[in-house]
Each structure stands twice: as structure tokens, then as C-alpha cells.
PDB file of all heavy atoms in Angstrom:
ATOM      1  N   GLN A   1     -43.973  -7.562 -46.897  1.00  0.00           N
ATOM      2  CA  GLN A   1     -44.159  -8.931 -46.452  1.00  0.00           C
ATOM      3  C   GLN A   1     -43.437  -9.921 -47.348  1.00  0.00           C
ATOM      4  O   GLN A   1     -42.785 -10.868 -46.885  1.00  0.00           O
ATOM      5  CB  GLN A   1     -45.663  -9.279 -46.373  1.00  0.00           C
ATOM      6  CG  GLN A   1     -46.408  -8.510 -45.320  1.00  0.00           C
ATOM      7  CD  GLN A   1     -46.926  -7.167 -45.843  1.00  0.00           C
ATOM      8  OE1 GLN A   1     -46.611  -6.713 -46.930  1.00  0.00           O
ATOM      9  NE2 GLN A   1     -47.717  -6.508 -44.994  1.00  0.00           N
ATOM     10  N   LEU A   2     -43.543  -9.735 -48.679  1.00  0.00           N
ATOM     11  CA  LEU A   2     -42.851 -10.619 -49.599  1.00  0.00           C
ATOM     12  C   LEU A   2     -41.346 -10.463 -49.473  1.00  0.00           C
ATOM     13  O   LEU A   2     -40.611 -11.476 -49.462  1.00  0.00           O
ATOM     14  CB  LEU A   2     -43.287 -10.355 -51.028  1.00  0.00           C
ATOM     15  CG  LEU A   2     -42.629 -11.234 -52.112  1.00  0.00           C
ATOM     16  CD1 LEU A   2     -42.851 -12.694 -51.849  1.00  0.00           C
ATOM     17  CD2 LEU A   2     -43.150 -10.837 -53.482  1.00  0.00           C
ATOM     18  N   ALA A   3     -40.880  -9.252 -49.316  1.00  0.00           N
ATOM     19  CA  ALA A   3     -39.458  -9.002 -49.118  1.00  0.00           C
ATOM     20  C   ALA A   3     -38.909  -9.757 -47.897  1.00  0.00           C
ATOM     21  O   ALA A   3     -37.879 -10.400 -47.930  1.00  0.00           O
ATOM     22  CB  ALA A   3     -39.154  -7.518 -49.026  1.00  0.00           C
ATOM     23  N   VAL A   4     -39.675  -9.703 -46.809  1.00  0.00           N
ATOM     24  CA  VAL A   4     -39.277 -10.402 -45.589  1.00  0.00           C
ATOM     25  C   VAL A   4     -39.240 -11.919 -45.861  1.00  0.00           C
ATOM     26  O   VAL A   4     -38.299 -12.608 -45.449  1.00  0.00           O
ATOM     27  CB  VAL A   4     -40.220 -10.061 -44.413  1.00  0.00           C
ATOM     28  CG1 VAL A   4     -39.985 -10.991 -43.241  1.00  0.00           C
ATOM     29  CG2 VAL A   4     -40.036  -8.603 -44.003  1.00  0.00           C
ATOM     30  N   GLY A   5     -40.242 -12.419 -46.571  1.00  0.00           N
ATOM     31  CA  GLY A   5     -40.248 -13.849 -46.909  1.00  0.00           C
ATOM     32  C   GLY A   5     -39.074 -14.273 -47.753  1.00  0.00           C
ATOM     33  O   GLY A   5     -38.644 -15.436 -47.698  1.00  0.00           O
ATOM     34  N   MET A   6     -38.530 -13.338 -48.521  1.00  0.00           N
ATOM     35  CA  MET A   6     -37.348 -13.639 -49.345  1.00  0.00           C
ATOM     36  C   MET A   6     -36.030 -13.429 -48.576  1.00  0.00           C
ATOM     37  O   MET A   6     -34.970 -13.602 -49.118  1.00  0.00           O
ATOM     38  CB  MET A   6     -37.329 -12.755 -50.598  1.00  0.00           C
ATOM     39  CG  MET A   6     -38.367 -13.170 -51.618  1.00  0.00           C
ATOM     40  SD  MET A   6     -38.121 -12.326 -53.214  1.00  0.00           S
ATOM     41  CE  MET A   6     -38.725 -10.682 -52.828  1.00  0.00           C
ATOM     42  N   GLY A   7     -36.135 -13.006 -47.314  1.00  0.00           N
ATOM     43  CA  GLY A   7     -34.935 -12.870 -46.483  1.00  0.00           C
ATOM     44  C   GLY A   7     -34.398 -11.456 -46.378  1.00  0.00           C
ATOM     45  O   GLY A   7     -33.274 -11.230 -45.931  1.00  0.00           O
ATOM     46  N   PHE A   8     -35.208 -10.462 -46.782  1.00  0.00           N
ATOM     47  CA  PHE A   8     -34.813  -9.062 -46.693  1.00  0.00           C
ATOM     48  C   PHE A   8     -35.586  -8.413 -45.539  1.00  0.00           C
ATOM     49  O   PHE A   8     -36.617  -8.924 -45.139  1.00  0.00           O
ATOM     50  CB  PHE A   8     -35.067  -8.335 -48.008  1.00  0.00           C
ATOM     51  CG  PHE A   8     -34.360  -8.957 -49.177  1.00  0.00           C
ATOM     52  CD1 PHE A   8     -35.002  -9.883 -50.008  1.00  0.00           C
ATOM     53  CD2 PHE A   8     -33.009  -8.673 -49.430  1.00  0.00           C
ATOM     54  CE1 PHE A   8     -34.364 -10.473 -51.070  1.00  0.00           C
ATOM     55  CE2 PHE A   8     -32.353  -9.275 -50.497  1.00  0.00           C
ATOM     56  CZ  PHE A   8     -33.027 -10.165 -51.326  1.00  0.00           C
ATOM     57  N   ALA A   9     -35.118  -7.264 -45.057  1.00  0.00           N
ATOM     58  CA  ALA A   9     -35.810  -6.616 -43.937  1.00  0.00           C
ATOM     59  C   ALA A   9     -37.142  -6.017 -44.371  1.00  0.00           C
ATOM     60  O   ALA A   9     -38.123  -6.062 -43.628  1.00  0.00           O
ATOM     61  CB  ALA A   9     -34.921  -5.498 -43.360  1.00  0.00           C
ATOM     62  N   ASP A  10     -37.209  -5.469 -45.566  1.00  0.00           N
ATOM     63  CA  ASP A  10     -38.429  -4.870 -46.122  1.00  0.00           C
ATOM     64  C   ASP A  10     -38.144  -4.582 -47.608  1.00  0.00           C
ATOM     65  O   ASP A  10     -37.080  -4.951 -48.121  1.00  0.00           O
ATOM     66  CB  ASP A  10     -38.819  -3.607 -45.384  1.00  0.00           C
ATOM     67  CG  ASP A  10     -37.700  -2.541 -45.312  1.00  0.00           C
ATOM     68  OD1 ASP A  10     -36.807  -2.520 -46.178  1.00  0.00           O
ATOM     69  OD2 ASP A  10     -37.745  -1.717 -44.383  1.00  0.00           O
ATOM     70  N   GLU A  11     -39.075  -3.931 -48.273  1.00  0.00           N
ATOM     71  CA  GLU A  11     -38.934  -3.681 -49.700  1.00  0.00           C
ATOM     72  C   GLU A  11     -37.710  -2.791 -50.001  1.00  0.00           C
ATOM     73  O   GLU A  11     -36.993  -3.025 -50.970  1.00  0.00           O
ATOM     74  CB  GLU A  11     -40.216  -3.027 -50.262  1.00  0.00           C
ATOM     75  CG  GLU A  11     -40.198  -2.879 -51.778  1.00  0.00           C
ATOM     76  CD  GLU A  11     -40.333  -1.461 -52.217  1.00  0.00           C
ATOM     77  OE1 GLU A  11     -40.579  -0.565 -51.382  1.00  0.00           O
ATOM     78  OE2 GLU A  11     -40.166  -1.221 -53.433  1.00  0.00           O
ATOM     79  N   GLN A  12     -37.479  -1.798 -49.210  1.00  0.00           N
ATOM     80  CA  GLN A  12     -36.318  -0.902 -49.426  1.00  0.00           C
ATOM     81  C   GLN A  12     -35.006  -1.667 -49.252  1.00  0.00           C
ATOM     82  O   GLN A  12     -34.052  -1.470 -50.020  1.00  0.00           O
ATOM     83  CB  GLN A  12     -36.378   0.324 -48.495  1.00  0.00           C
ATOM     84  CG  GLN A  12     -37.416   1.312 -48.917  1.00  0.00           C
ATOM     85  CD  GLN A  12     -37.208   1.801 -50.351  1.00  0.00           C
ATOM     86  OE1 GLN A  12     -36.112   2.249 -50.729  1.00  0.00           O
ATOM     87  NE2 GLN A  12     -38.244   1.726 -51.158  1.00  0.00           N
ATOM     88  N   ASP A  13     -34.960  -2.583 -48.287  1.00  0.00           N
ATOM     89  CA  ASP A  13     -33.771  -3.407 -48.104  1.00  0.00           C
ATOM     90  C   ASP A  13     -33.601  -4.340 -49.313  1.00  0.00           C
ATOM     91  O   ASP A  13     -32.470  -4.542 -49.754  1.00  0.00           O
ATOM     92  CB  ASP A  13     -33.885  -4.205 -46.796  1.00  0.00           C
ATOM     93  CG  ASP A  13     -32.635  -5.041 -46.534  1.00  0.00           C
ATOM     94  OD1 ASP A  13     -31.516  -4.457 -46.543  1.00  0.00           O
ATOM     95  OD2 ASP A  13     -32.761  -6.247 -46.278  1.00  0.00           O
ATOM     96  N   LEU A  14     -34.674  -4.874 -49.820  1.00  0.00           N
ATOM     97  CA  LEU A  14     -34.585  -5.717 -51.027  1.00  0.00           C
ATOM     98  C   LEU A  14     -33.933  -4.937 -52.160  1.00  0.00           C
ATOM     99  O   LEU A  14     -33.019  -5.437 -52.808  1.00  0.00           O
ATOM    100  CB  LEU A  14     -35.986  -6.186 -51.460  1.00  0.00           C
ATOM    101  CG  LEU A  14     -36.006  -6.846 -52.833  1.00  0.00           C
ATOM    102  CD1 LEU A  14     -36.487  -8.284 -52.752  1.00  0.00           C
ATOM    103  CD2 LEU A  14     -36.889  -6.082 -53.781  1.00  0.00           C
ATOM    104  N   LEU A  15     -34.353  -3.699 -52.383  1.00  0.00           N
ATOM    105  CA  LEU A  15     -33.774  -2.909 -53.458  1.00  0.00           C
ATOM    106  C   LEU A  15     -32.281  -2.630 -53.216  1.00  0.00           C
ATOM    107  O   LEU A  15     -31.463  -2.784 -54.118  1.00  0.00           O
ATOM    108  CB  LEU A  15     -34.558  -1.601 -53.614  1.00  0.00           C
ATOM    109  CG  LEU A  15     -36.014  -1.740 -54.010  1.00  0.00           C
ATOM    110  CD1 LEU A  15     -36.705  -0.411 -54.022  1.00  0.00           C
ATOM    111  CD2 LEU A  15     -36.165  -2.443 -55.354  1.00  0.00           C
ATOM    112  N   ARG A  16     -31.937  -2.294 -51.979  1.00  0.00           N
ATOM    113  CA  ARG A  16     -30.521  -2.055 -51.656  1.00  0.00           C
ATOM    114  C   ARG A  16     -29.682  -3.326 -51.833  1.00  0.00           C
ATOM    115  O   ARG A  16     -28.601  -3.307 -52.409  1.00  0.00           O
ATOM    116  CB  ARG A  16     -30.378  -1.561 -50.206  1.00  0.00           C
ATOM    117  CG  ARG A  16     -30.661  -0.079 -50.007  1.00  0.00           C
ATOM    118  CD  ARG A  16     -30.272   0.367 -48.606  1.00  0.00           C
ATOM    119  NE  ARG A  16     -30.940  -0.373 -47.532  1.00  0.00           N
ATOM    120  CZ  ARG A  16     -32.156  -0.093 -47.083  1.00  0.00           C
ATOM    121  NH1 ARG A  16     -32.848   0.883 -47.592  1.00  0.00           N
ATOM    122  NH2 ARG A  16     -32.690  -0.797 -46.114  1.00  0.00           N
ATOM    123  N   GLN A  17     -30.216  -4.424 -51.306  1.00  0.00           N
ATOM    124  CA  GLN A  17     -29.475  -5.681 -51.371  1.00  0.00           C
ATOM    125  C   GLN A  17     -29.353  -6.197 -52.785  1.00  0.00           C
ATOM    126  O   GLN A  17     -28.350  -6.798 -53.157  1.00  0.00           O
ATOM    127  CB  GLN A  17     -30.119  -6.724 -50.444  1.00  0.00           C
ATOM    128  CG  GLN A  17     -30.091  -6.382 -48.965  1.00  0.00           C
ATOM    129  CD  GLN A  17     -28.700  -6.198 -48.439  1.00  0.00           C
ATOM    130  OE1 GLN A  17     -27.745  -6.848 -48.863  1.00  0.00           O
ATOM    131  NE2 GLN A  17     -28.527  -5.282 -47.521  1.00  0.00           N
ATOM    132  N   CYS A  18     -30.404  -6.016 -53.594  1.00  0.00           N
ATOM    133  CA  CYS A  18     -30.309  -6.419 -55.017  1.00  0.00           C
ATOM    134  C   CYS A  18     -29.192  -5.689 -55.715  1.00  0.00           C
ATOM    135  O   CYS A  18     -28.452  -6.265 -56.510  1.00  0.00           O
ATOM    136  CB  CYS A  18     -31.651  -6.222 -55.712  1.00  0.00           C
ATOM    137  SG  CYS A  18     -32.847  -7.532 -55.339  1.00  0.00           S
ATOM    138  N   ARG A  19     -29.053  -4.387 -55.424  1.00  0.00           N
ATOM    139  CA  ARG A  19     -27.924  -3.612 -56.011  1.00  0.00           C
ATOM    140  C   ARG A  19     -26.594  -4.186 -55.545  1.00  0.00           C
ATOM    141  O   ARG A  19     -25.659  -4.360 -56.336  1.00  0.00           O
ATOM    142  CB  ARG A  19     -28.057  -2.127 -55.641  1.00  0.00           C
ATOM    143  CG  ARG A  19     -29.105  -1.399 -56.434  1.00  0.00           C
ATOM    144  CD  ARG A  19     -29.051   0.120 -56.252  1.00  0.00           C
ATOM    145  NE  ARG A  19     -29.297   0.562 -54.886  1.00  0.00           N
ATOM    146  CZ  ARG A  19     -30.506   0.803 -54.389  1.00  0.00           C
ATOM    147  NH1 ARG A  19     -31.587   0.653 -55.122  1.00  0.00           N
ATOM    148  NH2 ARG A  19     -30.642   1.183 -53.143  1.00  0.00           N
ATOM    149  N   ARG A  20     -26.516  -4.473 -54.250  1.00  0.00           N
ATOM    150  CA  ARG A  20     -25.265  -5.030 -53.688  1.00  0.00           C
ATOM    151  C   ARG A  20     -24.961  -6.408 -54.306  1.00  0.00           C
ATOM    152  O   ARG A  20     -23.823  -6.687 -54.699  1.00  0.00           O
ATOM    153  CB  ARG A  20     -25.380  -5.173 -52.171  1.00  0.00           C
ATOM    154  CG  ARG A  20     -24.135  -5.787 -51.507  1.00  0.00           C
ATOM    155  CD  ARG A  20     -24.338  -5.975 -50.016  1.00  0.00           C
ATOM    156  NE  ARG A  20     -25.352  -6.953 -49.674  1.00  0.00           N
ATOM    157  CZ  ARG A  20     -25.161  -8.269 -49.673  1.00  0.00           C
ATOM    158  NH1 ARG A  20     -23.989  -8.784 -50.015  1.00  0.00           N
ATOM    159  NH2 ARG A  20     -26.155  -9.096 -49.337  1.00  0.00           N
ATOM    160  N   LEU A  21     -25.975  -7.254 -54.405  1.00  0.00           N
ATOM    161  CA  LEU A  21     -25.773  -8.571 -54.956  1.00  0.00           C
ATOM    162  C   LEU A  21     -25.398  -8.537 -56.454  1.00  0.00           C
ATOM    163  O   LEU A  21     -24.568  -9.293 -56.919  1.00  0.00           O
ATOM    164  CB  LEU A  21     -27.038  -9.433 -54.735  1.00  0.00           C
ATOM    165  CG  LEU A  21     -27.323  -9.780 -53.266  1.00  0.00           C
ATOM    166  CD1 LEU A  21     -28.703 -10.341 -53.095  1.00  0.00           C
ATOM    167  CD2 LEU A  21     -26.254 -10.718 -52.719  1.00  0.00           C
ATOM    168  N   ARG A  22     -26.032  -7.615 -57.190  1.00  0.00           N
ATOM    169  CA  ARG A  22     -25.687  -7.464 -58.610  1.00  0.00           C
ATOM    170  C   ARG A  22     -24.223  -7.075 -58.745  1.00  0.00           C
ATOM    171  O   ARG A  22     -23.492  -7.601 -59.586  1.00  0.00           O
ATOM    172  CB  ARG A  22     -26.533  -6.379 -59.274  1.00  0.00           C
ATOM    173  CG  ARG A  22     -27.949  -6.831 -59.582  1.00  0.00           C
ATOM    174  CD  ARG A  22     -28.676  -5.792 -60.426  1.00  0.00           C
ATOM    175  NE  ARG A  22     -28.241  -5.928 -61.802  1.00  0.00           N
ATOM    176  CZ  ARG A  22     -27.533  -5.030 -62.481  1.00  0.00           C
ATOM    177  NH1 ARG A  22     -27.184  -3.889 -61.923  1.00  0.00           N
ATOM    178  NH2 ARG A  22     -27.176  -5.241 -63.711  1.00  0.00           N
ATOM    179  N   THR A  23     -23.794  -6.147 -57.928  1.00  0.00           N
ATOM    180  CA  THR A  23     -22.385  -5.705 -57.946  1.00  0.00           C
ATOM    181  C   THR A  23     -21.461  -6.854 -57.588  1.00  0.00           C
ATOM    182  O   THR A  23     -20.459  -7.101 -58.272  1.00  0.00           O
ATOM    183  CB  THR A  23     -22.173  -4.515 -56.991  1.00  0.00           C
ATOM    184  OG1 THR A  23     -22.995  -3.427 -57.455  1.00  0.00           O
ATOM    185  CG2 THR A  23     -20.718  -4.079 -56.967  1.00  0.00           C
ATOM    186  N   ALA A  24     -21.781  -7.585 -56.536  1.00  0.00           N
ATOM    187  CA  ALA A  24     -20.946  -8.688 -56.101  1.00  0.00           C
ATOM    188  C   ALA A  24     -20.849  -9.767 -57.198  1.00  0.00           C
ATOM    189  O   ALA A  24     -19.746 -10.267 -57.480  1.00  0.00           O
ATOM    190  CB  ALA A  24     -21.515  -9.299 -54.824  1.00  0.00           C
ATOM    191  N   LEU A  25     -21.959 -10.082 -57.822  1.00  0.00           N
ATOM    192  CA  LEU A  25     -21.925 -11.056 -58.919  1.00  0.00           C
ATOM    193  C   LEU A  25     -21.087 -10.546 -60.082  1.00  0.00           C
ATOM    194  O   LEU A  25     -20.324 -11.284 -60.662  1.00  0.00           O
ATOM    195  CB  LEU A  25     -23.356 -11.363 -59.391  1.00  0.00           C
ATOM    196  CG  LEU A  25     -24.231 -12.178 -58.430  1.00  0.00           C
ATOM    197  CD1 LEU A  25     -25.683 -12.173 -58.870  1.00  0.00           C
ATOM    198  CD2 LEU A  25     -23.685 -13.618 -58.300  1.00  0.00           C
ATOM    199  N   GLY A  26     -21.238  -9.284 -60.385  1.00  0.00           N
ATOM    200  CA  GLY A  26     -20.464  -8.692 -61.493  1.00  0.00           C
ATOM    201  C   GLY A  26     -18.959  -8.637 -61.221  1.00  0.00           C
ATOM    202  O   GLY A  26     -18.160  -8.733 -62.150  1.00  0.00           O
ATOM    203  N   GLN A  27     -18.606  -8.536 -59.958  1.00  0.00           N
ATOM    204  CA  GLN A  27     -17.201  -8.466 -59.588  1.00  0.00           C
ATOM    205  C   GLN A  27     -16.649  -9.825 -59.150  1.00  0.00           C
ATOM    206  O   GLN A  27     -15.508  -9.954 -58.737  1.00  0.00           O
ATOM    207  CB  GLN A  27     -17.009  -7.470 -58.447  1.00  0.00           C
ATOM    208  CG  GLN A  27     -17.316  -6.042 -58.840  1.00  0.00           C
ATOM    209  CD  GLN A  27     -17.230  -5.051 -57.693  1.00  0.00           C
ATOM    210  OE1 GLN A  27     -17.154  -5.422 -56.521  1.00  0.00           O
ATOM    211  NE2 GLN A  27     -17.299  -3.792 -58.031  1.00  0.00           N
ATOM    212  N   ASP A  28     -17.477 -10.869 -59.240  1.00  0.00           N
ATOM    213  CA  ASP A  28     -17.112 -12.218 -58.818  1.00  0.00           C
ATOM    214  C   ASP A  28     -16.654 -12.250 -57.376  1.00  0.00           C
ATOM    215  O   ASP A  28     -15.724 -12.955 -57.005  1.00  0.00           O
ATOM    216  CB  ASP A  28     -16.041 -12.821 -59.763  1.00  0.00           C
ATOM    217  CG  ASP A  28     -15.983 -14.319 -59.667  1.00  0.00           C
ATOM    218  OD1 ASP A  28     -17.027 -14.950 -59.352  1.00  0.00           O
ATOM    219  OD2 ASP A  28     -14.905 -14.890 -59.885  1.00  0.00           O
ATOM    220  N   ALA A  29     -17.315 -11.431 -56.534  1.00  0.00           N
ATOM    221  CA  ALA A  29     -17.001 -11.412 -55.098  1.00  0.00           C
ATOM    222  C   ALA A  29     -17.642 -12.635 -54.428  1.00  0.00           C
ATOM    223  O   ALA A  29     -18.738 -13.065 -54.842  1.00  0.00           O
ATOM    224  CB  ALA A  29     -17.519 -10.128 -54.473  1.00  0.00           C
ATOM    225  N   PRO A  30     -17.017 -13.156 -53.415  1.00  0.00           N
ATOM    226  CA  PRO A  30     -17.621 -14.317 -52.715  1.00  0.00           C
ATOM    227  C   PRO A  30     -18.918 -13.920 -51.992  1.00  0.00           C
ATOM    228  O   PRO A  30     -19.016 -12.854 -51.423  1.00  0.00           O
ATOM    229  CB  PRO A  30     -16.550 -14.717 -51.692  1.00  0.00           C
ATOM    230  CG  PRO A  30     -15.334 -13.983 -52.049  1.00  0.00           C
ATOM    231  CD  PRO A  30     -15.734 -12.796 -52.874  1.00  0.00           C
ATOM    232  N   LEU A  31     -19.897 -14.811 -52.073  1.00  0.00           N
ATOM    233  CA  LEU A  31     -21.186 -14.629 -51.377  1.00  0.00           C
ATOM    234  C   LEU A  31     -21.404 -15.790 -50.434  1.00  0.00           C
ATOM    235  O   LEU A  31     -21.034 -16.927 -50.730  1.00  0.00           O
ATOM    236  CB  LEU A  31     -22.331 -14.572 -52.401  1.00  0.00           C
ATOM    237  CG  LEU A  31     -22.347 -13.415 -53.370  1.00  0.00           C
ATOM    238  CD1 LEU A  31     -23.457 -13.578 -54.390  1.00  0.00           C
ATOM    239  CD2 LEU A  31     -22.516 -12.106 -52.622  1.00  0.00           C
ATOM    240  N   GLY A  32     -22.069 -15.490 -49.320  1.00  0.00           N
ATOM    241  CA  GLY A  32     -22.450 -16.530 -48.368  1.00  0.00           C
ATOM    242  C   GLY A  32     -23.709 -17.248 -48.824  1.00  0.00           C
ATOM    243  O   GLY A  32     -24.418 -16.797 -49.757  1.00  0.00           O
ATOM    244  N   ALA A  33     -24.027 -18.342 -48.187  1.00  0.00           N
ATOM    245  CA  ALA A  33     -25.176 -19.165 -48.559  1.00  0.00           C
ATOM    246  C   ALA A  33     -26.476 -18.375 -48.512  1.00  0.00           C
ATOM    247  O   ALA A  33     -27.322 -18.530 -49.394  1.00  0.00           O
ATOM    248  CB  ALA A  33     -25.247 -20.385 -47.645  1.00  0.00           C
ATOM    249  N   ALA A  34     -26.650 -17.504 -47.501  1.00  0.00           N
ATOM    250  CA  ALA A  34     -27.895 -16.754 -47.415  1.00  0.00           C
ATOM    251  C   ALA A  34     -28.028 -15.784 -48.590  1.00  0.00           C
ATOM    252  O   ALA A  34     -29.125 -15.638 -49.141  1.00  0.00           O
ATOM    253  CB  ALA A  34     -27.931 -15.965 -46.094  1.00  0.00           C
ATOM    254  N   ASP A  35     -26.934 -15.185 -49.036  1.00  0.00           N
ATOM    255  CA  ASP A  35     -26.986 -14.305 -50.203  1.00  0.00           C
ATOM    256  C   ASP A  35     -27.280 -15.098 -51.459  1.00  0.00           C
ATOM    257  O   ASP A  35     -28.016 -14.623 -52.329  1.00  0.00           O
ATOM    258  CB  ASP A  35     -25.693 -13.519 -50.347  1.00  0.00           C
ATOM    259  CG  ASP A  35     -25.647 -12.291 -49.471  1.00  0.00           C
ATOM    260  OD1 ASP A  35     -26.703 -11.822 -49.032  1.00  0.00           O
ATOM    261  OD2 ASP A  35     -24.522 -11.802 -49.210  1.00  0.00           O
ATOM    262  N   TRP A  36     -26.720 -16.269 -51.591  1.00  0.00           N
ATOM    263  CA  TRP A  36     -27.021 -17.112 -52.750  1.00  0.00           C
ATOM    264  C   TRP A  36     -28.518 -17.488 -52.744  1.00  0.00           C
ATOM    265  O   TRP A  36     -29.192 -17.468 -53.769  1.00  0.00           O
ATOM    266  CB  TRP A  36     -26.149 -18.349 -52.782  1.00  0.00           C
ATOM    267  CG  TRP A  36     -24.794 -18.105 -53.327  1.00  0.00           C
ATOM    268  CD1 TRP A  36     -23.615 -18.128 -52.654  1.00  0.00           C
ATOM    269  CD2 TRP A  36     -24.471 -17.721 -54.681  1.00  0.00           C
ATOM    270  NE1 TRP A  36     -22.583 -17.798 -53.505  1.00  0.00           N
ATOM    271  CE2 TRP A  36     -23.086 -17.532 -54.750  1.00  0.00           C
ATOM    272  CE3 TRP A  36     -25.231 -17.498 -55.834  1.00  0.00           C
ATOM    273  CZ2 TRP A  36     -22.423 -17.163 -55.938  1.00  0.00           C
ATOM    274  CZ3 TRP A  36     -24.584 -17.140 -56.995  1.00  0.00           C
ATOM    275  CH2 TRP A  36     -23.200 -16.968 -57.052  1.00  0.00           C
ATOM    276  N   ALA A  37     -29.039 -17.807 -51.568  1.00  0.00           N
ATOM    277  CA  ALA A  37     -30.446 -18.187 -51.430  1.00  0.00           C
ATOM    278  C   ALA A  37     -31.349 -16.988 -51.784  1.00  0.00           C
ATOM    279  O   ALA A  37     -32.352 -17.127 -52.495  1.00  0.00           O
ATOM    280  CB  ALA A  37     -30.755 -18.736 -50.046  1.00  0.00           C
ATOM    281  N   ARG A  38     -31.009 -15.819 -51.278  1.00  0.00           N
ATOM    282  CA  ARG A  38     -31.779 -14.588 -51.586  1.00  0.00           C
ATOM    283  C   ARG A  38     -31.756 -14.325 -53.095  1.00  0.00           C
ATOM    284  O   ARG A  38     -32.775 -13.973 -53.688  1.00  0.00           O
ATOM    285  CB  ARG A  38     -31.225 -13.372 -50.841  1.00  0.00           C
ATOM    286  CG  ARG A  38     -31.510 -13.379 -49.374  1.00  0.00           C
ATOM    287  CD  ARG A  38     -30.978 -12.078 -48.757  1.00  0.00           C
ATOM    288  NE  ARG A  38     -30.911 -12.199 -47.331  1.00  0.00           N
ATOM    289  CZ  ARG A  38     -29.785 -12.394 -46.644  1.00  0.00           C
ATOM    290  NH1 ARG A  38     -28.616 -12.417 -47.217  1.00  0.00           N
ATOM    291  NH2 ARG A  38     -29.832 -12.498 -45.338  1.00  0.00           N
ATOM    292  N   THR A  39     -30.591 -14.437 -53.683  1.00  0.00           N
ATOM    293  CA  THR A  39     -30.441 -14.197 -55.114  1.00  0.00           C
ATOM    294  C   THR A  39     -31.315 -15.160 -55.915  1.00  0.00           C
ATOM    295  O   THR A  39     -32.037 -14.753 -56.823  1.00  0.00           O
ATOM    296  CB  THR A  39     -28.961 -14.329 -55.531  1.00  0.00           C
ATOM    297  OG1 THR A  39     -28.194 -13.341 -54.849  1.00  0.00           O
ATOM    298  CG2 THR A  39     -28.772 -14.183 -57.019  1.00  0.00           C
ATOM    299  N   LEU A  40     -31.254 -16.412 -55.570  1.00  0.00           N
ATOM    300  CA  LEU A  40     -32.046 -17.425 -56.290  1.00  0.00           C
ATOM    301  C   LEU A  40     -33.528 -17.186 -56.136  1.00  0.00           C
ATOM    302  O   LEU A  40     -34.281 -17.173 -57.116  1.00  0.00           O
ATOM    303  CB  LEU A  40     -31.659 -18.829 -55.834  1.00  0.00           C
ATOM    304  CG  LEU A  40     -32.384 -19.975 -56.542  1.00  0.00           C
ATOM    305  CD1 LEU A  40     -32.143 -19.928 -58.050  1.00  0.00           C
ATOM    306  CD2 LEU A  40     -31.929 -21.300 -55.957  1.00  0.00           C
ATOM    307  N   LEU A  41     -33.974 -16.990 -54.905  1.00  0.00           N
ATOM    308  CA  LEU A  41     -35.399 -16.787 -54.642  1.00  0.00           C
ATOM    309  C   LEU A  41     -35.910 -15.513 -55.300  1.00  0.00           C
ATOM    310  O   LEU A  41     -36.985 -15.491 -55.923  1.00  0.00           O
ATOM    311  CB  LEU A  41     -35.692 -16.786 -53.140  1.00  0.00           C
ATOM    312  CG  LEU A  41     -37.136 -16.720 -52.707  1.00  0.00           C
ATOM    313  CD1 LEU A  41     -37.959 -17.845 -53.360  1.00  0.00           C
ATOM    314  CD2 LEU A  41     -37.219 -16.794 -51.194  1.00  0.00           C
ATOM    315  N   ALA A  42     -35.155 -14.433 -55.214  1.00  0.00           N
ATOM    316  CA  ALA A  42     -35.562 -13.178 -55.849  1.00  0.00           C
ATOM    317  C   ALA A  42     -35.648 -13.348 -57.361  1.00  0.00           C
ATOM    318  O   ALA A  42     -36.548 -12.801 -58.008  1.00  0.00           O
ATOM    319  CB  ALA A  42     -34.567 -12.065 -55.490  1.00  0.00           C
ATOM    320  N   THR A  43     -34.741 -14.141 -57.935  1.00  0.00           N
ATOM    321  CA  THR A  43     -34.778 -14.416 -59.384  1.00  0.00           C
ATOM    322  C   THR A  43     -35.998 -15.227 -59.737  1.00  0.00           C
ATOM    323  O   THR A  43     -36.700 -14.908 -60.699  1.00  0.00           O
ATOM    324  CB  THR A  43     -33.489 -15.131 -59.813  1.00  0.00           C
ATOM    325  OG1 THR A  43     -32.349 -14.275 -59.556  1.00  0.00           O
ATOM    326  CG2 THR A  43     -33.516 -15.511 -61.279  1.00  0.00           C
ATOM    327  N   GLU A  44     -36.251 -16.291 -58.994  1.00  0.00           N
ATOM    328  CA  GLU A  44     -37.417 -17.146 -59.286  1.00  0.00           C
ATOM    329  C   GLU A  44     -38.717 -16.352 -59.245  1.00  0.00           C
ATOM    330  O   GLU A  44     -39.549 -16.435 -60.155  1.00  0.00           O
ATOM    331  CB  GLU A  44     -37.478 -18.288 -58.239  1.00  0.00           C
ATOM    332  CG  GLU A  44     -36.333 -19.271 -58.354  1.00  0.00           C
ATOM    333  CD  GLU A  44     -36.208 -20.203 -57.180  1.00  0.00           C
ATOM    334  OE1 GLU A  44     -36.778 -19.909 -56.074  1.00  0.00           O
ATOM    335  OE2 GLU A  44     -35.519 -21.200 -57.297  1.00  0.00           O
TER     336      GLU A  44
END
């Protein structure tokens, strides 16, 4: 439920997407607004 509230499909998707987002940030790959919002909310 919390994962969905943060914009992920479920907890497993959150874990997959966090790995993807970490990689994208590390490689300075462009992210869309939804990914930036997910990253910020997950961090908070």
C-alpha cells in the first residue's frame, strides 16, 4: 500500500525501480518528472 502511494506498483516494484533509479542517477541519465517525484518521496 505504501509503495503504491509512492507511485510504484507494489513493494517488489519499489525495489526494482529503486535499483533502476540509483543506476540512472549514478550514470547521470535523464529522468522524467514522475521518476524525480518517486525518488524524492522515497527518500523523504
